[in-house]
């Protein structure tokens, strides 16, 4: 589901998918206070990752994720 949304929105939104097996990415997740997955965060273009404006944890429906993406596009 996330991958299909990424394909649909990738011309308007930059998606970053963290791999917890990569130390640097695990460190970024720690900075963002993400302790598990799935987790979704909205970070503005000039915003520090630790100041993510919206974080969602656990399973999210496609409609909820789509709403987050649409809200991001509108700002």
N, C-alpha and C. Protein backbone atom coordinates (compact mmCIF):
# COMPACT_ATOMS: atom_id res chain seq x y z
N UNK A 1 0.81 -1.18 0.00
CA UNK A 1 0.00 0.00 0.00
C UNK A 1 0.87 1.26 0.00
N UNK A 2 1.84 1.37 0.90
CA UNK A 2 2.71 2.55 0.96
C UNK A 2 3.46 2.71 -0.36
N UNK A 3 3.90 1.62 -0.92
CA UNK A 3 4.67 1.70 -2.16
C UNK A 3 3.80 2.21 -3.31
N UNK A 4 2.54 1.80 -3.36
CA UNK A 4 1.67 2.31 -4.43
C UNK A 4 1.38 3.79 -4.23
N UNK A 5 1.24 4.24 -2.97
CA UNK A 5 1.05 5.66 -2.71
C UNK A 5 2.30 6.44 -3.08
N UNK A 6 3.44 5.86 -2.81
CA UNK A 6 4.70 6.53 -3.16
C UNK A 6 4.78 6.74 -4.66
N UNK A 7 4.42 5.74 -5.43
CA UNK A 7 4.45 5.87 -6.88
C UNK A 7 3.48 6.95 -7.34
N UNK A 8 2.31 6.98 -6.74
CA UNK A 8 1.29 7.96 -7.11
C UNK A 8 1.69 9.40 -6.77
N UNK A 9 2.36 9.60 -5.64
CA UNK A 9 2.67 10.94 -5.14
C UNK A 9 4.12 11.38 -5.31
N UNK A 10 4.98 10.53 -5.83
CA UNK A 10 6.41 10.83 -5.83
C UNK A 10 6.79 12.06 -6.65
N UNK A 11 5.93 12.52 -7.51
CA UNK A 11 6.24 13.74 -8.25
C UNK A 11 5.96 15.01 -7.44
N UNK A 12 5.32 14.85 -6.26
CA UNK A 12 4.99 15.99 -5.42
C UNK A 12 5.54 15.89 -4.00
N UNK A 13 5.92 14.69 -3.59
CA UNK A 13 6.38 14.46 -2.22
C UNK A 13 7.62 13.57 -2.26
N UNK A 14 8.60 13.92 -1.44
CA UNK A 14 9.80 13.10 -1.32
C UNK A 14 9.57 12.07 -0.21
N UNK A 15 9.59 10.81 -0.54
CA UNK A 15 9.40 9.74 0.43
C UNK A 15 10.76 9.25 0.88
N UNK A 16 10.92 9.05 2.17
CA UNK A 16 12.13 8.45 2.72
C UNK A 16 11.70 7.23 3.51
N UNK A 17 12.22 6.10 3.14
CA UNK A 17 11.89 4.85 3.83
C UNK A 17 13.14 4.40 4.55
N UNK A 18 13.04 4.31 5.87
CA UNK A 18 14.21 3.94 6.68
C UNK A 18 14.35 2.43 6.77
N UNK A 19 15.56 1.97 6.69
CA UNK A 19 15.90 0.56 6.85
C UNK A 19 16.59 0.42 8.20
N UNK A 20 15.95 -0.23 9.13
CA UNK A 20 16.49 -0.34 10.49
C UNK A 20 17.77 -1.18 10.55
N UNK A 21 18.11 -1.84 9.47
CA UNK A 21 19.35 -2.61 9.45
C UNK A 21 20.56 -1.71 9.17
N UNK A 22 20.32 -0.47 8.75
CA UNK A 22 21.40 0.48 8.45
C UNK A 22 21.55 1.41 9.64
N UNK A 23 22.72 1.42 10.24
CA UNK A 23 22.96 2.15 11.49
C UNK A 23 22.55 3.62 11.39
N UNK A 24 22.95 4.31 10.34
CA UNK A 24 22.64 5.74 10.21
C UNK A 24 21.13 5.98 10.17
N UNK A 25 20.42 5.10 9.52
CA UNK A 25 18.98 5.27 9.43
C UNK A 25 18.31 4.95 10.76
N UNK A 26 18.85 4.00 11.47
CA UNK A 26 18.34 3.69 12.81
C UNK A 26 18.59 4.87 13.74
N UNK A 27 19.73 5.55 13.58
CA UNK A 27 20.03 6.74 14.37
C UNK A 27 19.05 7.87 14.05
N UNK A 28 18.71 8.05 12.78
CA UNK A 28 17.72 9.06 12.40
C UNK A 28 16.37 8.75 13.02
N UNK A 29 15.99 7.50 13.01
CA UNK A 29 14.73 7.10 13.64
C UNK A 29 14.76 7.44 15.13
N UNK A 30 15.90 7.25 15.77
CA UNK A 30 16.04 7.58 17.18
C UNK A 30 15.89 9.08 17.41
N UNK A 31 16.52 9.89 16.56
CA UNK A 31 16.41 11.35 16.66
C UNK A 31 14.94 11.77 16.54
N UNK A 32 14.20 11.06 15.71
CA UNK A 32 12.79 11.39 15.48
C UNK A 32 11.87 10.74 16.51
N UNK A 33 12.45 10.04 17.49
CA UNK A 33 11.68 9.33 18.53
C UNK A 33 10.79 8.24 17.95
N UNK A 34 11.28 7.58 16.92
CA UNK A 34 10.57 6.45 16.33
C UNK A 34 11.23 5.18 16.86
N UNK A 35 10.48 4.44 17.65
CA UNK A 35 11.04 3.26 18.29
C UNK A 35 10.63 1.97 17.59
N UNK A 36 9.71 2.03 16.69
CA UNK A 36 9.25 0.82 16.01
C UNK A 36 8.65 1.16 14.68
N UNK A 37 8.14 0.15 14.04
CA UNK A 37 7.54 0.41 12.74
C UNK A 37 6.30 -0.45 12.57
N UNK A 38 5.37 -0.08 11.72
CA UNK A 38 5.50 1.06 10.81
C UNK A 38 5.29 2.38 11.54
N UNK A 39 5.96 3.38 11.05
CA UNK A 39 5.81 4.74 11.55
C UNK A 39 5.87 5.68 10.35
N UNK A 40 5.09 6.73 10.41
CA UNK A 40 5.03 7.70 9.32
C UNK A 40 5.20 9.08 9.91
N UNK A 41 5.99 9.91 9.26
CA UNK A 41 6.22 11.27 9.74
C UNK A 41 6.21 12.23 8.56
N UNK A 42 5.69 13.41 8.81
CA UNK A 42 5.69 14.46 7.81
C UNK A 42 6.73 15.49 8.24
N UNK A 43 7.68 15.75 7.34
CA UNK A 43 8.76 16.68 7.64
C UNK A 43 8.82 17.70 6.51
N UNK A 44 8.73 18.96 6.85
CA UNK A 44 8.82 20.01 5.85
C UNK A 44 10.18 20.06 5.21
N UNK A 45 10.26 20.68 4.04
CA UNK A 45 11.51 20.72 3.27
C UNK A 45 12.66 21.32 4.05
N UNK A 46 12.41 22.33 4.86
CA UNK A 46 13.48 23.00 5.62
C UNK A 46 13.37 22.71 7.11
N UNK A 47 12.73 21.64 7.46
CA UNK A 47 12.47 21.32 8.86
C UNK A 47 13.46 20.27 9.34
N UNK A 48 13.85 20.39 10.58
CA UNK A 48 14.71 19.39 11.21
C UNK A 48 13.89 18.12 11.44
N UNK A 49 14.42 16.94 11.13
CA UNK A 49 13.66 15.71 11.31
C UNK A 49 13.10 15.51 12.72
N UNK A 50 13.80 16.01 13.74
CA UNK A 50 13.30 15.83 15.11
C UNK A 50 12.05 16.68 15.38
N UNK A 51 11.75 17.61 14.47
CA UNK A 51 10.58 18.47 14.62
C UNK A 51 9.47 18.10 13.64
N UNK A 52 9.35 16.83 13.33
CA UNK A 52 8.32 16.38 12.39
C UNK A 52 6.96 16.89 12.84
N UNK A 53 6.20 17.43 11.89
CA UNK A 53 4.93 18.05 12.23
C UNK A 53 3.83 17.04 12.52
N UNK A 54 3.92 15.86 11.98
CA UNK A 54 2.88 14.86 12.18
C UNK A 54 3.54 13.48 12.19
N UNK A 55 3.35 12.76 13.26
CA UNK A 55 3.87 11.39 13.34
C UNK A 55 2.72 10.45 13.65
N UNK A 56 2.71 9.35 12.93
CA UNK A 56 1.68 8.34 13.10
C UNK A 56 2.37 6.99 13.25
N UNK A 57 1.93 6.21 14.20
CA UNK A 57 2.56 4.92 14.47
C UNK A 57 1.56 3.79 14.27
N UNK A 58 2.06 2.65 13.83
CA UNK A 58 1.22 1.49 13.65
C UNK A 58 0.54 1.49 12.30
N UNK A 59 -0.26 0.48 12.07
CA UNK A 59 -0.95 0.34 10.80
C UNK A 59 -1.85 1.55 10.55
N UNK A 60 -1.83 2.06 9.33
CA UNK A 60 -2.70 3.15 8.91
C UNK A 60 -3.43 2.71 7.64
N UNK A 61 -4.68 3.05 7.57
CA UNK A 61 -5.44 2.72 6.36
C UNK A 61 -4.94 3.55 5.19
N UNK A 62 -5.19 3.10 4.01
CA UNK A 62 -4.79 3.86 2.83
C UNK A 62 -5.45 5.23 2.84
N UNK A 63 -6.71 5.30 3.25
CA UNK A 63 -7.41 6.59 3.26
C UNK A 63 -6.76 7.56 4.24
N UNK A 64 -6.30 7.08 5.40
CA UNK A 64 -5.62 7.94 6.38
C UNK A 64 -4.29 8.45 5.82
N UNK A 65 -3.51 7.58 5.22
CA UNK A 65 -2.24 8.00 4.63
C UNK A 65 -2.46 8.96 3.48
N UNK A 66 -3.46 8.70 2.67
CA UNK A 66 -3.78 9.59 1.55
C UNK A 66 -4.15 10.99 2.08
N UNK A 67 -4.90 11.03 3.16
CA UNK A 67 -5.28 12.31 3.77
C UNK A 67 -4.04 13.07 4.23
N UNK A 68 -3.10 12.38 4.89
CA UNK A 68 -1.85 13.01 5.31
C UNK A 68 -1.09 13.59 4.12
N UNK A 69 -1.03 12.83 3.04
CA UNK A 69 -0.30 13.29 1.86
C UNK A 69 -0.98 14.48 1.22
N UNK A 70 -2.28 14.43 1.11
CA UNK A 70 -3.03 15.56 0.52
C UNK A 70 -2.87 16.81 1.35
N UNK A 71 -2.90 16.68 2.66
CA UNK A 71 -2.71 17.84 3.54
C UNK A 71 -1.31 18.42 3.36
N UNK A 72 -0.32 17.56 3.19
CA UNK A 72 1.05 18.03 2.97
C UNK A 72 1.15 18.80 1.66
N UNK A 73 0.51 18.32 0.63
CA UNK A 73 0.55 18.98 -0.68
C UNK A 73 -0.09 20.37 -0.60
N UNK A 74 -1.14 20.49 0.18
CA UNK A 74 -1.86 21.77 0.27
C UNK A 74 -1.06 22.84 1.00
N UNK A 75 -0.08 22.45 1.83
CA UNK A 75 0.67 23.45 2.59
C UNK A 75 1.80 24.03 1.80
